[in-house]
Structure formats: C-alpha cells, structure tokens
Amino acid sequence: MRVAVAERRDPAGLDVGAIYRAHAPFVARCIERLVGAGAHVDDVLQEVFVVAFKNRGRFDPSRASVTTWLYGISANLCRRHRRGSFRFGRLQERVAAEPVSAAPMLAPDEALEREQSVALVYEAMQKLPFKQREVFALYELEGLDGAAIANMVGVPVGTVWTRLHHARQAFEKSVRRRIAAEGQP
C-alpha cells in the first residue's frame, strides 16, 4: 500500500533507489573526474541523489534520459564544489586512495610507474578549465559519443568537439611540460 501512495505523490513515478543502484557508479566516476578523487566524491554523490529525490517530480523523460538528468545535477554540484574548495594540492593522497583493480600483480617498479602515470593524468586533467574537463572525461574516459555528451552538458555537438579539441591540446601540453621538467636534474 505504501508504494501506491508514493507513486500517487510522485508524478514521474521514479524510484530513486533503483536509479541510484543503476547509475551511481557512472555518476561517481563523473564526479571524480570533474573534481578529483577523494572523500568528497561520496559527499557530492550523496548530494546528487538527494537533489534528484527532491526534484523527482520535475523530471521529464521526454526532455532527457535519467543519465542526462543525473549528469546535469552532478555537473552543477561539481561546479559549486570547485568554486567553494581548492583542496586539489593533495593529489598524491587522492591517487593513493584510488581503488586498485583486480589486475595481476605488477612488479614494484611497474606499479610505481603506473601510479605516476595515473597521477600525471589526474594532475593534467585538474589544470583544464571545467567545461573542457567535463567533455574530456566523458569522451576519453567514459567513452561516450559526442551527441550523448552534448545532450548531457546541454550544448551543441559542435561545441563538444571544440571543447574536446582544446582540452586535448591543453592536456598534451601539460603532460609534455611535466615530463620535460622531470627529465631535467
């Protein structure tokens, strides 16, 4: 009986719990890639679903998919988080806290090299402007196509490709600078 009452109050008929189970991993990856790894990712993730729950009556499936809707909420909260916090100086702590996959054990030197590569990628991504970083993360790391990204971010597809182009250039320049700096004594 409670379910029927909840459905009558919720015009969209959304089960936010089911949506969380289905989409939380994607949303969490997006948040981490937009604001950096750390304990704050869980906080922002939780806030995304609190906002989704509060606004579930406003969700219009004819305008956007659930993924697009959640991404929009996530991007807005990430922007707010970035404006209010500059805790990105502790990059090494964040990279060390990243979960290790079930990949075969690497030799210590290979593991160190992989850690350094991951740190380099995250550092270069954090230097990108937010709009470029979000497109870069969604395309390069999430594997989404340009149309899906345009829908999620709310810009024309051409803008997605422009931002991706500029993000790739800035990313490559940042990585090259860092590698050159490390190569010198």
Protein backbone atom coordinates (compact mmCIF):
# COMPACT_ATOMS: atom_id res chain seq x y z
CA MET A 1 0.00 0.00 0.00
CA ARG A 2 2.84 2.43 0.74
CA VAL A 3 4.20 2.04 -2.79
CA ALA A 4 0.87 3.07 -4.30
CA VAL A 5 0.77 6.17 -2.10
CA ALA A 6 4.34 7.06 -3.07
CA GLU A 7 3.50 6.66 -6.77
CA ARG A 8 0.49 8.96 -6.46
CA ARG A 9 2.68 11.69 -4.91
CA ASP A 10 5.43 11.20 -7.46
CA PRO A 11 4.08 12.16 -10.90
CA ALA A 12 7.23 10.93 -12.65
CA GLY A 13 6.93 7.53 -10.94
CA LEU A 14 10.68 7.48 -10.33
CA ASP A 15 12.17 5.01 -7.90
CA VAL A 16 15.23 6.97 -6.81
CA GLY A 17 16.62 3.90 -5.02
CA ALA A 18 16.56 1.90 -8.24
CA ILE A 19 18.03 4.85 -10.11
CA TYR A 20 20.82 5.06 -7.53
CA ARG A 21 21.64 1.36 -7.89
CA ALA A 22 21.68 1.64 -11.68
CA HIS A 23 23.51 4.95 -12.12
CA ALA A 24 25.61 5.64 -9.00
CA PRO A 25 28.84 4.11 -10.37
CA PHE A 26 28.66 6.27 -13.53
CA VAL A 27 27.78 9.42 -11.55
CA ALA A 28 30.59 8.75 -9.06
CA ARG A 29 33.15 8.33 -11.88
CA CYS A 30 31.99 11.58 -13.46
CA ILE A 31 32.22 13.42 -10.16
CA GLU A 32 35.71 12.05 -9.50
CA ARG A 33 36.88 13.08 -12.93
CA LEU A 34 35.40 16.55 -12.62
CA VAL A 35 36.55 17.43 -9.10
CA GLY A 36 39.32 14.92 -8.40
CA ALA A 37 39.44 11.82 -6.25
CA GLY A 38 38.92 11.95 -2.53
CA ALA A 39 36.40 11.55 0.23
CA HIS A 40 34.39 14.48 -1.14
CA VAL A 41 33.30 12.34 -4.12
CA ASP A 42 30.98 10.37 -1.84
CA ASP A 43 29.60 13.59 -0.38
CA VAL A 44 28.85 15.06 -3.80
CA LEU A 45 27.40 11.72 -4.96
CA GLN A 46 25.07 11.65 -1.99
CA GLU A 47 24.04 15.23 -2.64
CA VAL A 48 23.28 14.39 -6.29
CA PHE A 49 20.75 11.77 -5.24
CA VAL A 50 19.27 13.98 -2.51
CA VAL A 51 18.67 16.65 -5.16
CA ALA A 52 17.31 14.01 -7.54
CA PHE A 53 14.91 12.79 -4.87
CA LYS A 54 13.74 16.30 -4.03
CA ASN A 55 13.26 17.17 -7.71
CA ARG A 56 11.92 13.84 -8.93
CA GLY A 57 8.54 15.41 -9.69
CA ARG A 58 10.20 17.82 -12.12
CA PHE A 59 11.93 15.10 -14.14
CA ASP A 60 10.52 14.95 -17.66
CA PRO A 61 11.55 11.78 -19.53
CA SER A 62 10.54 13.38 -22.83
CA ARG A 63 13.23 16.06 -22.38
CA ALA A 64 16.15 13.97 -21.12
CA SER A 65 17.18 10.49 -20.08
CA VAL A 66 17.76 9.69 -16.42
CA THR A 67 21.51 9.61 -17.09
CA THR A 68 21.43 13.06 -18.66
CA TRP A 69 19.30 14.41 -15.81
CA LEU A 70 21.66 12.99 -13.16
CA TYR A 71 24.71 14.24 -15.03
CA GLY A 72 23.24 17.75 -15.13
CA ILE A 73 22.71 17.67 -11.38
CA SER A 74 26.24 16.28 -10.90
CA ALA A 75 27.89 18.91 -13.09
CA ASN A 76 26.13 21.73 -11.24
CA LEU A 77 27.15 20.34 -7.85
CA CYS A 78 30.72 19.81 -9.07
CA ARG A 79 30.91 23.42 -10.23
CA ARG A 80 29.69 24.55 -6.82
CA HIS A 81 32.20 22.27 -5.10
CA ARG A 82 35.07 23.62 -7.23
CA ARG A 83 34.11 27.23 -6.53
CA GLY A 84 33.97 26.67 -2.77
CA SER A 85 37.01 24.47 -2.39
CA PHE A 86 40.59 24.35 -3.61
CA ARG A 87 41.77 21.15 -1.98
CA PHE A 88 43.46 19.81 -5.06
CA GLY A 89 47.02 20.23 -3.77
CA ARG A 90 46.89 16.79 -2.17
CA LEU A 91 46.95 14.89 -5.45
CA GLN A 92 49.14 12.10 -4.18
CA GLU A 93 46.70 11.30 -1.37
CA ARG A 94 43.84 11.06 -3.84
CA VAL A 95 45.71 8.83 -6.25
CA ALA A 96 46.80 6.57 -3.41
CA ALA A 97 43.16 6.27 -2.29
CA GLU A 98 42.04 5.16 -5.76
CA PRO A 99 40.83 1.56 -5.72
CA VAL A 100 43.16 -0.96 -7.27
CA SER A 101 41.67 -3.21 -9.92
CA ALA A 102 41.86 -6.98 -9.79
CA ALA A 103 44.66 -6.90 -12.34
CA PRO A 104 47.60 -9.26 -11.97
CA MET A 105 50.27 -8.17 -9.51
CA LEU A 106 52.80 -5.84 -11.03
CA ALA A 107 56.45 -5.68 -10.20
CA PRO A 108 57.19 -2.84 -7.77
CA ASP A 109 58.80 -0.69 -10.46
CA GLU A 110 55.85 -1.28 -12.83
CA ALA A 111 53.37 -0.44 -10.05
CA LEU A 112 55.25 2.77 -9.26
CA GLU A 113 55.35 3.73 -12.94
CA ARG A 114 51.59 3.10 -13.24
CA GLU A 115 50.90 5.19 -10.11
CA GLN A 116 52.98 8.02 -11.51
CA SER A 117 51.15 7.82 -14.84
CA VAL A 118 47.75 7.95 -13.13
CA ALA A 119 48.91 10.91 -11.02
CA LEU A 120 50.14 12.67 -14.15
CA VAL A 121 46.79 12.18 -15.91
CA TYR A 122 44.80 13.45 -12.93
CA GLU A 123 47.11 16.42 -12.48
CA ALA A 124 46.83 17.37 -16.15
CA MET A 125 43.03 16.99 -16.04
CA GLN A 126 42.73 19.24 -12.98
CA LYS A 127 44.52 22.01 -14.89
CA LEU A 128 41.85 22.00 -17.61
CA PRO A 129 39.01 24.52 -17.37
CA PHE A 130 35.86 22.83 -16.04
CA LYS A 131 33.95 22.86 -19.34
CA GLN A 132 36.86 21.25 -21.17
CA ARG A 133 37.48 18.78 -18.34
CA GLU A 134 33.91 17.52 -18.30
CA VAL A 135 33.87 16.90 -22.07
CA PHE A 136 37.34 15.32 -21.95
CA ALA A 137 36.34 12.99 -19.09
CA LEU A 138 33.05 11.96 -20.68
CA TYR A 139 34.59 11.30 -24.09
CA GLU A 140 38.07 9.97 -23.33
CA LEU A 141 37.44 8.19 -20.04
CA GLU A 142 33.74 7.27 -20.13
CA GLY A 143 33.69 6.51 -23.86
CA LEU A 144 30.52 8.47 -24.58
CA ASP A 145 29.86 9.81 -28.08
CA GLY A 146 29.60 13.47 -28.99
CA ALA A 147 25.80 13.51 -29.25
CA ALA A 148 25.35 11.95 -25.80
CA ILE A 149 27.82 14.43 -24.29
CA ALA A 150 26.09 17.35 -25.99
CA ASN A 151 22.78 16.19 -24.56
CA MET A 152 24.23 15.75 -21.07
CA VAL A 153 26.12 19.03 -20.99
CA GLY A 154 23.41 20.98 -22.81
CA VAL A 155 25.48 22.36 -25.67
CA PRO A 156 25.53 21.76 -29.45
CA VAL A 157 27.60 18.82 -30.70
CA GLY A 158 30.00 21.23 -32.40
CA THR A 159 30.73 22.83 -29.05
CA VAL A 160 31.54 19.39 -27.63
CA TRP A 161 34.10 18.80 -30.38
CA THR A 162 35.59 22.28 -29.92
CA ARG A 163 35.93 21.82 -26.17
CA LEU A 164 37.38 18.33 -26.66
CA HIS A 165 39.91 19.67 -29.18
CA HIS A 166 41.05 22.42 -26.81
CA ALA A 167 41.08 20.02 -23.86
CA ARG A 168 43.26 17.54 -25.75
CA GLN A 169 45.71 20.29 -26.71
CA ALA A 170 45.93 21.65 -23.16
CA PHE A 171 46.19 18.13 -21.71
CA GLU A 172 49.02 17.19 -24.06
CA LYS A 173 50.85 20.47 -23.39
CA SER A 174 50.56 19.97 -19.63
CA VAL A 175 51.83 16.39 -19.82
CA ARG A 176 54.74 17.34 -22.09
CA ARG A 177 55.71 20.19 -19.73
CA ARG A 178 55.66 17.89 -16.73
CA ILE A 179 57.68 15.18 -18.46
CA ALA A 180 60.24 17.73 -19.62
CA ALA A 181 60.50 19.18 -16.13
CA GLU A 182 61.06 15.75 -14.60
CA GLY A 183 63.70 14.89 -17.19
CA GLN A 184 65.90 17.77 -16.02
CA PRO A 185 68.05 17.43 -12.88
